[in-house]
């Protein structure tokens, strides 16, 4: 941590005098007068906490704890030209840039006593103060009553049909509530109460995942023994997963195997790529089930199997052939499907569906096989583009 980083002293006497009446009034004392910007920032925090508190007042201990969360830095001449968020990321390497930007948006960062944007360029010499919980609370699943299509259920596992638009577990979000709500894990905890703990509090029961915009079958482990046995089946490539995908254009070959390593894109961090060396092995098999000529252009309906389970694997592999999945704007698909004289079509998800799943029951070894039909919105798009 930089030597200029120091927590501001706790203003215990001021906190003792804090009125629980009009929260706009800040009790004056010599320390606050000497550091006006600190007083402004402290007042903002007190106001926020008092607004959010369940009880009409907070203990001195709670308010003291908030004051201890203040941190102060001084920008040096060498920092001139740096963005505010870049400067703070360098000063607090244990805190992510996304978290720092969130604190700035929440007006918990002051530059010379006033709020500033992440993009503000420093000149050197500024006094910068940061308040708030520097590290976000750890994510964890929470039971939540959400409709869930359960295809199969026994003592060891469950098979569910995940809808598109649902995240498997908590992730990015502007607030803790946004990060933790509406996930498949939350729905599972509500329905099944107890799941395997191998994946920790964030991913209870989760043996494998589907992208948020992908629908279809997923296997859920109900206990640790079953989880480890199921995970071994995935690792040994014994689980057979078949997806249905609609892609733009007609592929040169009606069937083939894509074996290209996958790594994260250096520029666009939300994307994966096959263009970097040293990525993780990824193998995808595809077969064209139908060529679809339409007034909107040519499309191919595919069955896809994967031997590995890398992030965005099917999407990035098909895009690497020049045939992105319909609706997958992250990997080059158009936002709208257009033709002259007709209203454009759009799909608010990827045309990718985990349609079949085959695995062994972890206790009995019995072969289990499941199918899930295409969701209504995907069937509707096929009709709209003129698929017969």
Protein backbone atom coordinates (compact mmCIF):
# COMPACT_ATOMS: atom_id res chain seq x y z
CA UNK A 1 0.00 0.00 0.00
CA UNK A 2 1.26 3.49 -0.83
CA UNK A 3 2.81 5.45 2.01
CA UNK A 4 0.37 8.31 1.34
CA UNK A 5 -2.54 6.02 2.18
CA UNK A 6 -3.65 6.59 5.74
CA UNK A 7 -6.98 6.16 7.54
CA UNK A 8 -8.40 9.37 8.91
CA UNK A 9 -8.76 9.57 12.70
CA UNK A 10 -12.05 8.64 14.29
CA UNK A 11 -14.01 11.73 15.34
CA UNK A 12 -15.48 10.20 18.46
CA UNK A 13 -16.54 13.49 20.09
CA UNK A 14 -18.41 14.59 16.98
CA UNK A 15 -20.18 11.26 16.75
CA UNK A 16 -21.22 11.49 20.38
CA UNK A 17 -22.88 14.85 19.65
CA UNK A 18 -24.62 13.70 16.46
CA UNK A 19 -28.32 14.54 16.58
CA UNK A 20 -30.82 12.02 15.27
CA UNK A 21 -33.11 14.84 14.26
CA UNK A 22 -32.38 16.83 11.06
CA UNK A 23 -29.54 14.86 9.51
CA UNK A 24 -28.48 17.80 7.34
CA UNK A 25 -26.88 19.52 10.33
CA UNK A 26 -23.29 18.53 11.10
CA UNK A 27 -22.09 19.20 14.66
CA UNK A 28 -19.11 21.52 14.60
CA UNK A 29 -15.85 20.83 16.40
CA UNK A 30 -12.25 21.88 15.95
CA UNK A 31 -11.23 18.77 14.03
CA UNK A 32 -14.05 19.11 11.51
CA UNK A 33 -13.24 22.79 11.03
CA UNK A 34 -9.63 21.96 10.24
CA UNK A 35 -10.64 19.44 7.61
CA UNK A 36 -13.80 20.64 5.92
CA UNK A 37 -13.74 18.06 3.17
CA UNK A 38 -13.56 15.24 5.72
CA UNK A 39 -16.60 16.65 7.46
CA UNK A 40 -18.52 16.76 4.19
CA UNK A 41 -17.71 13.18 3.38
CA UNK A 42 -18.42 11.95 6.89
CA UNK A 43 -21.76 13.76 6.86
CA UNK A 44 -22.70 12.10 3.57
CA UNK A 45 -22.00 8.69 5.06
CA UNK A 46 -23.93 9.40 8.24
CA UNK A 47 -26.90 10.61 6.21
CA UNK A 48 -26.87 7.51 4.05
CA UNK A 49 -26.64 5.16 7.02
CA UNK A 50 -29.36 6.95 8.95
CA UNK A 51 -31.63 6.80 5.88
CA UNK A 52 -31.04 3.07 5.47
CA UNK A 53 -31.10 2.10 9.16
CA UNK A 54 -33.98 -0.01 10.39
CA UNK A 55 -33.93 1.71 13.77
CA UNK A 56 -34.26 5.51 14.07
CA UNK A 57 -30.79 5.75 15.57
CA UNK A 58 -27.42 4.03 15.42
CA UNK A 59 -24.98 3.32 18.18
CA UNK A 60 -21.75 5.25 18.52
CA UNK A 61 -19.92 2.02 17.69
CA UNK A 62 -21.67 1.72 14.30
CA UNK A 63 -20.93 5.33 13.38
CA UNK A 64 -17.31 5.03 14.54
CA UNK A 65 -16.93 2.00 12.29
CA UNK A 66 -18.08 4.05 9.33
CA UNK A 67 -15.60 6.84 10.09
CA UNK A 68 -12.79 4.28 10.19
CA UNK A 69 -13.62 3.40 6.59
CA UNK A 70 -12.24 6.77 5.42
CA UNK A 71 -8.96 6.70 3.48
CA UNK A 72 -6.93 9.63 2.21
CA UNK A 73 -4.39 10.00 -0.59
CA UNK A 74 -2.42 12.86 -2.10
CA UNK A 75 -1.81 12.97 -5.85
CA UNK A 76 1.84 13.70 -6.64
CA UNK A 77 3.14 15.71 -9.61
CA UNK A 78 4.01 12.40 -11.29
CA UNK A 79 0.30 11.50 -11.19
CA UNK A 80 -0.66 14.41 -13.44
CA UNK A 81 -2.77 13.22 -16.37
CA UNK A 82 -3.98 10.02 -14.70
CA UNK A 83 -7.67 9.27 -14.48
CA UNK A 84 -9.07 9.29 -10.96
CA UNK A 85 -10.12 5.62 -11.10
CA UNK A 86 -6.70 4.59 -12.48
CA UNK A 87 -4.93 6.48 -9.71
CA UNK A 88 -7.01 4.83 -6.98
CA UNK A 89 -6.60 1.38 -8.53
CA UNK A 90 -2.83 1.81 -8.29
CA UNK A 91 -3.07 3.05 -4.70
CA UNK A 92 -5.35 0.18 -3.60
CA UNK A 93 -4.19 -2.90 -5.55
CA UNK A 94 -6.36 -5.24 -3.46
CA UNK A 95 -9.51 -3.40 -4.63
CA UNK A 96 -10.86 -3.96 -8.14
CA UNK A 97 -11.23 -1.05 -10.53
CA UNK A 98 -14.93 -1.90 -10.90
CA UNK A 99 -15.39 -1.51 -7.12
CA UNK A 100 -13.53 1.81 -7.16
CA UNK A 101 -15.72 3.08 -9.99
CA UNK A 102 -18.78 2.06 -8.02
CA UNK A 103 -17.59 4.04 -4.98
CA UNK A 104 -17.07 7.06 -7.23
CA UNK A 105 -20.60 6.72 -8.69
CA UNK A 106 -21.99 6.54 -5.16
CA UNK A 107 -20.23 9.86 -4.36
CA UNK A 108 -18.02 8.22 -1.75
CA UNK A 109 -14.87 9.71 -3.29
CA UNK A 110 -13.97 13.39 -2.92
CA UNK A 111 -11.27 15.31 -4.76
CA UNK A 112 -10.36 18.48 -2.86
CA UNK A 113 -13.66 18.22 -1.01
CA UNK A 114 -15.97 17.75 -4.00
CA UNK A 115 -17.34 14.74 -5.82
CA UNK A 116 -15.72 13.82 -9.14
CA UNK A 117 -16.16 11.42 -12.02
CA UNK A 118 -14.02 8.37 -12.69
CA UNK A 119 -12.70 10.02 -15.84
CA UNK A 120 -11.42 13.14 -14.08
CA UNK A 121 -7.79 13.82 -14.97
CA UNK A 122 -5.54 14.67 -12.04
CA UNK A 123 -3.11 17.59 -12.10
CA UNK A 124 -1.04 16.61 -9.07
CA UNK A 125 -1.41 17.92 -5.54
CA UNK A 126 -5.08 16.97 -5.10
CA UNK A 127 -6.33 15.61 -1.78
CA UNK A 128 -8.40 12.49 -2.49
CA UNK A 129 -10.62 10.83 0.10
CA UNK A 130 -12.39 7.48 -0.17
CA UNK A 131 -15.14 6.20 2.09
CA UNK A 132 -17.31 3.14 2.21
CA UNK A 133 -16.75 -0.58 2.34
CA UNK A 134 -13.68 -0.96 0.16
CA UNK A 135 -14.32 -4.67 -0.42
CA UNK A 136 -17.79 -5.84 -1.36
CA UNK A 137 -19.44 -8.47 0.81
CA UNK A 138 -18.77 -12.02 -0.41
CA UNK A 139 -21.41 -13.33 -2.77
CA UNK A 140 -23.53 -16.26 -1.68
CA UNK A 141 -26.73 -17.93 -2.74
CA UNK A 142 -29.97 -17.18 -0.94
CA UNK A 143 -33.31 -19.02 -1.16
CA UNK A 144 -35.68 -17.17 -3.45
CA UNK A 145 -39.10 -18.24 -4.72
CA UNK A 146 -38.59 -18.36 -8.49
CA UNK A 147 -40.45 -20.65 -10.91
CA UNK A 148 -38.26 -23.58 -11.89
CA UNK A 149 -38.82 -26.38 -14.42
CA UNK A 150 -37.60 -29.58 -12.79
CA UNK A 151 -37.19 -32.37 -15.35
CA UNK A 152 -35.92 -35.08 -12.97
CA UNK A 153 -35.32 -35.42 -9.25
CA UNK A 154 -33.83 -38.13 -7.00
CA UNK A 155 -31.81 -38.27 -3.77
CA UNK A 156 -28.53 -37.49 -5.51
CA UNK A 157 -29.29 -35.11 -8.34
CA UNK A 158 -31.84 -33.02 -10.16
CA UNK A 159 -32.11 -32.04 -13.80
CA UNK A 160 -33.54 -28.58 -14.48
CA UNK A 161 -34.41 -26.72 -17.66
CA UNK A 162 -32.86 -23.27 -17.21
CA UNK A 163 -34.57 -20.43 -19.07
CA UNK A 164 -32.55 -17.90 -21.05
CA UNK A 165 -31.96 -14.68 -19.13
CA UNK A 166 -31.33 -16.38 -15.79
CA UNK A 167 -27.82 -16.30 -14.34
CA UNK A 168 -26.65 -19.57 -12.82
CA UNK A 169 -25.20 -17.89 -9.73
CA UNK A 170 -24.65 -14.39 -8.37
CA UNK A 171 -22.24 -12.20 -10.28
CA UNK A 172 -21.75 -8.63 -11.44
CA UNK A 173 -24.27 -5.98 -10.47
CA UNK A 174 -24.50 -2.34 -9.44
CA UNK A 175 -25.71 -3.24 -5.97
CA UNK A 176 -25.41 -6.26 -3.69
CA UNK A 177 -29.12 -6.89 -4.20
CA UNK A 178 -28.75 -6.85 -7.99
CA UNK A 179 -25.80 -9.22 -7.77
CA UNK A 180 -27.56 -11.74 -5.54
CA UNK A 181 -31.13 -11.87 -6.84
CA UNK A 182 -32.91 -13.90 -9.49
CA UNK A 183 -30.31 -16.64 -9.98
CA UNK A 184 -30.74 -20.34 -10.62
CA UNK A 185 -28.90 -21.07 -7.37
CA UNK A 186 -31.44 -19.00 -5.45
CA UNK A 187 -34.32 -20.89 -7.07
CA UNK A 188 -32.63 -24.23 -6.31
CA UNK A 189 -32.11 -23.36 -2.65
CA UNK A 190 -35.79 -22.49 -2.34
CA UNK A 191 -36.99 -25.69 -4.02
CA UNK A 192 -34.50 -28.23 -2.62
CA UNK A 193 -33.34 -26.57 0.65
CA UNK A 194 -30.10 -28.59 0.77
CA UNK A 195 -27.54 -28.93 -2.04
CA UNK A 196 -23.94 -30.10 -2.27
CA UNK A 197 -21.38 -27.79 -0.70
CA UNK A 198 -18.46 -28.61 -3.00
CA UNK A 199 -18.93 -25.37 -4.94
CA UNK A 200 -19.07 -23.23 -1.79
CA UNK A 201 -21.77 -20.77 -0.72
CA UNK A 202 -21.82 -19.07 -4.13
CA UNK A 203 -22.35 -22.22 -6.24
CA UNK A 204 -24.11 -24.87 -4.11
CA UNK A 205 -25.04 -27.86 -6.23
CA UNK A 206 -23.59 -26.43 -9.44
CA UNK A 207 -21.59 -29.05 -11.36
CA UNK A 208 -21.49 -27.18 -14.71
CA UNK A 209 -22.90 -23.94 -16.09
CA UNK A 210 -24.79 -22.40 -18.99
CA UNK A 211 -24.39 -18.82 -20.16
CA UNK A 212 -27.06 -16.39 -19.05
CA UNK A 213 -28.51 -16.06 -22.58
CA UNK A 214 -28.50 -19.84 -23.15
CA UNK A 215 -31.38 -22.11 -22.15
CA UNK A 216 -31.57 -25.81 -21.49
CA UNK A 217 -30.71 -28.79 -19.33
CA UNK A 218 -28.42 -28.65 -16.33
CA UNK A 219 -27.51 -31.28 -13.74
CA UNK A 220 -27.59 -30.28 -10.07
CA UNK A 221 -25.85 -32.22 -7.27
CA UNK A 222 -27.72 -32.64 -4.00
CA UNK A 223 -24.87 -33.95 -1.87
CA UNK A 224 -21.07 -33.84 -1.89
CA UNK A 225 -20.52 -37.48 -2.85
CA UNK A 226 -22.81 -37.19 -5.86
CA UNK A 227 -21.18 -33.87 -6.81
CA UNK A 228 -17.68 -35.37 -6.93
CA UNK A 229 -18.84 -38.38 -8.95
CA UNK A 230 -20.72 -36.18 -11.42
CA UNK A 231 -17.73 -33.84 -11.72
CA UNK A 232 -15.55 -36.86 -12.50
CA UNK A 233 -17.93 -37.84 -15.30
CA UNK A 234 -17.59 -34.36 -16.80
CA UNK A 235 -13.80 -34.39 -16.41
CA UNK A 236 -13.57 -37.82 -18.07
CA UNK A 237 -15.85 -36.64 -20.91
CA UNK A 238 -18.45 -39.30 -20.11
CA UNK A 239 -21.35 -36.84 -20.02
CA UNK A 240 -22.97 -36.30 -23.42
CA UNK A 241 -24.38 -32.80 -23.98
CA UNK A 242 -26.12 -31.86 -27.21
CA UNK A 243 -27.04 -28.28 -28.09
CA UNK A 244 -29.19 -26.84 -30.86
CA UNK A 245 -27.89 -23.66 -32.46
CA UNK A 246 -29.00 -21.44 -35.32
CA UNK A 247 -26.12 -19.62 -37.01
CA UNK A 248 -25.82 -17.07 -39.79
CA UNK A 249 -24.78 -18.43 -43.18
CA UNK A 250 -24.11 -21.89 -44.54
CA UNK A 251 -21.05 -23.70 -43.26
CA UNK A 252 -18.56 -25.07 -45.79
CA UNK A 253 -18.80 -28.55 -44.29
CA UNK A 254 -21.96 -30.20 -43.01
CA UNK A 255 -20.11 -31.66 -40.06
CA UNK A 256 -16.79 -31.06 -38.41
CA UNK A 257 -14.75 -30.60 -35.25
CA UNK A 258 -13.39 -27.29 -34.01
CA UNK A 259 -10.29 -27.75 -31.86
CA UNK A 260 -9.03 -24.30 -30.96
CA UNK A 261 -7.81 -23.17 -27.55
CA UNK A 262 -9.82 -20.44 -25.84
CA UNK A 263 -8.56 -17.56 -23.71
CA UNK A 264 -9.87 -14.20 -22.59
CA UNK A 265 -9.72 -11.31 -25.04
CA UNK A 266 -7.07 -8.82 -23.95
CA UNK A 267 -9.05 -5.76 -25.06
CA UNK A 268 -12.71 -6.69 -24.48
CA UNK A 269 -12.60 -8.57 -21.20
CA UNK A 270 -16.19 -9.83 -21.48
CA UNK A 271 -15.23 -11.79 -24.61
CA UNK A 272 -13.27 -14.95 -25.18
CA UNK A 273 -11.07 -15.54 -28.21
CA UNK A 274 -9.34 -18.28 -30.20
CA UNK A 275 -6.72 -15.87 -31.53
CA UNK A 276 -4.32 -15.97 -28.59
CA UNK A 277 -1.79 -18.66 -27.87
CA UNK A 278 -1.63 -20.46 -24.56
CA UNK A 279 -5.36 -20.74 -24.00
CA UNK A 280 -7.25 -23.72 -22.60
CA UNK A 281 -8.00 -26.71 -24.81
CA UNK A 282 -11.52 -26.65 -26.26
CA UNK A 283 -13.16 -29.18 -28.59
CA UNK A 284 -16.54 -28.69 -30.28
CA UNK A 285 -18.27 -31.06 -32.72
CA UNK A 286 -21.05 -29.81 -34.99
CA UNK A 287 -23.43 -31.27 -37.58
CA UNK A 288 -25.73 -29.29 -39.86
CA UNK A 289 -29.28 -30.61 -39.56
CA UNK A 290 -30.82 -28.09 -41.96
CA UNK A 291 -29.83 -25.36 -44.42
CA UNK A 292 -32.44 -22.61 -44.26
CA UNK A 293 -32.64 -20.17 -47.22
CA UNK A 294 -34.88 -17.22 -46.33
CA UNK A 295 -35.67 -13.71 -47.42
CA UNK A 296 -33.55 -12.61 -44.46
CA UNK A 297 -30.51 -14.50 -45.69
CA UNK A 298 -29.06 -17.96 -45.22
CA UNK A 299 -29.08 -19.79 -41.89
CA UNK A 300 -27.87 -23.17 -40.65
CA UNK A 301 -29.52 -25.19 -37.91
CA UNK A 302 -26.90 -27.22 -36.04
CA UNK A 303 -26.55 -29.95 -33.47
CA UNK A 304 -23.47 -29.29 -31.37
CA UNK A 305 -21.62 -31.49 -28.88
CA UNK A 306 -18.73 -30.38 -26.70
CA UNK A 307 -15.96 -32.44 -25.12
CA UNK A 308 -14.84 -29.54 -22.93
CA UNK A 309 -16.73 -26.85 -21.09
CA UNK A 310 -14.93 -23.55 -21.58
CA UNK A 311 -16.52 -20.13 -21.10
CA UNK A 312 -18.59 -19.23 -24.22
CA UNK A 313 -17.07 -22.26 -25.98
CA UNK A 314 -19.75 -22.96 -28.60
CA UNK A 315 -20.32 -19.28 -29.29
CA UNK A 316 -16.68 -18.34 -29.76
CA UNK A 317 -15.90 -21.49 -31.78
CA UNK A 318 -18.75 -20.96 -34.24
CA UNK A 319 -17.91 -17.26 -34.53
CA UNK A 320 -14.30 -18.23 -35.32
CA UNK A 321 -15.66 -20.00 -38.44
CA UNK A 322 -17.44 -16.80 -39.48
CA UNK A 323 -20.87 -18.12 -38.47
CA UNK A 324 -21.98 -16.46 -35.21
CA UNK A 325 -24.97 -17.76 -33.30
CA UNK A 326 -28.12 -15.78 -34.10
CA UNK A 327 -28.72 -13.16 -31.42
CA UNK A 328 -25.13 -13.33 -30.12
CA UNK A 329 -24.11 -9.71 -30.64
CA UNK A 330 -21.04 -10.16 -28.42
CA UNK A 331 -19.52 -12.38 -31.10
CA UNK A 332 -20.60 -10.56 -34.22
CA UNK A 333 -24.25 -11.41 -34.86
CA UNK A 334 -26.37 -8.41 -35.97
CA UNK A 335 -28.81 -6.95 -33.47
CA UNK A 336 -31.61 -7.21 -36.02
CA UNK A 337 -32.32 -9.56 -38.93
CA UNK A 338 -33.39 -7.40 -41.85
CA UNK A 339 -34.90 -7.74 -45.31
CA UNK A 340 -36.50 -5.21 -47.65
CA UNK A 341 -40.11 -4.28 -47.08
CA UNK A 342 -40.51 -6.25 -43.85
CA UNK A 343 -40.14 -5.25 -40.22
CA UNK A 344 -36.75 -6.38 -38.87
CA UNK A 345 -36.63 -9.36 -36.53
CA UNK A 346 -34.68 -9.43 -33.28
CA UNK A 347 -33.94 -12.07 -30.68
CA UNK A 348 -33.28 -10.90 -27.13
CA UNK A 349 -31.12 -13.93 -26.38
CA UNK A 350 -28.77 -16.33 -28.15
CA UNK A 351 -30.24 -19.07 -30.34
CA UNK A 352 -28.44 -21.72 -28.32
CA UNK A 353 -30.27 -24.39 -26.33
CA UNK A 354 -28.96 -27.38 -24.35
CA UNK A 355 -31.46 -29.88 -25.72
CA UNK A 356 -30.15 -33.29 -24.62
CA UNK A 357 -28.17 -34.56 -21.65
CA UNK A 358 -26.95 -38.09 -20.93
CA UNK A 359 -25.06 -39.21 -17.82
CA UNK A 360 -24.82 -41.99 -15.23
CA UNK A 361 -26.70 -41.86 -11.95
CA UNK A 362 -23.81 -41.39 -9.48
CA UNK A 363 -24.95 -44.04 -6.98
CA UNK A 364 -26.49 -46.78 -9.15
CA UNK A 365 -24.55 -46.20 -12.36
CA UNK A 366 -27.80 -46.35 -14.35
CA UNK A 367 -27.74 -44.40 -17.61
CA UNK A 368 -30.03 -41.36 -17.52
CA UNK A 369 -31.09 -39.50 -20.65
CA UNK A 370 -33.12 -36.28 -20.87
CA UNK A 371 -34.48 -33.95 -23.55
CA UNK A 372 -35.83 -30.41 -23.50
CA UNK A 373 -37.70 -28.99 -26.54
CA UNK A 374 -36.81 -25.64 -28.08
CA UNK A 375 -38.29 -22.73 -26.07
CA UNK A 376 -41.24 -20.92 -27.62
CA UNK A 377 -39.23 -17.83 -28.58
CA UNK A 378 -36.78 -19.91 -30.63
CA UNK A 379 -39.56 -21.83 -32.38
CA UNK A 380 -41.23 -18.50 -33.11
CA UNK A 381 -38.10 -17.08 -34.73
CA UNK A 382 -37.77 -20.14 -36.97
CA UNK A 383 -41.35 -19.59 -38.17
CA UNK A 384 -40.77 -15.87 -38.70
CA UNK A 385 -37.72 -16.32 -40.92
CA UNK A 386 -39.68 -18.79 -43.06
CA UNK A 387 -38.37 -22.15 -41.88
CA UNK A 388 -40.67 -24.89 -43.16
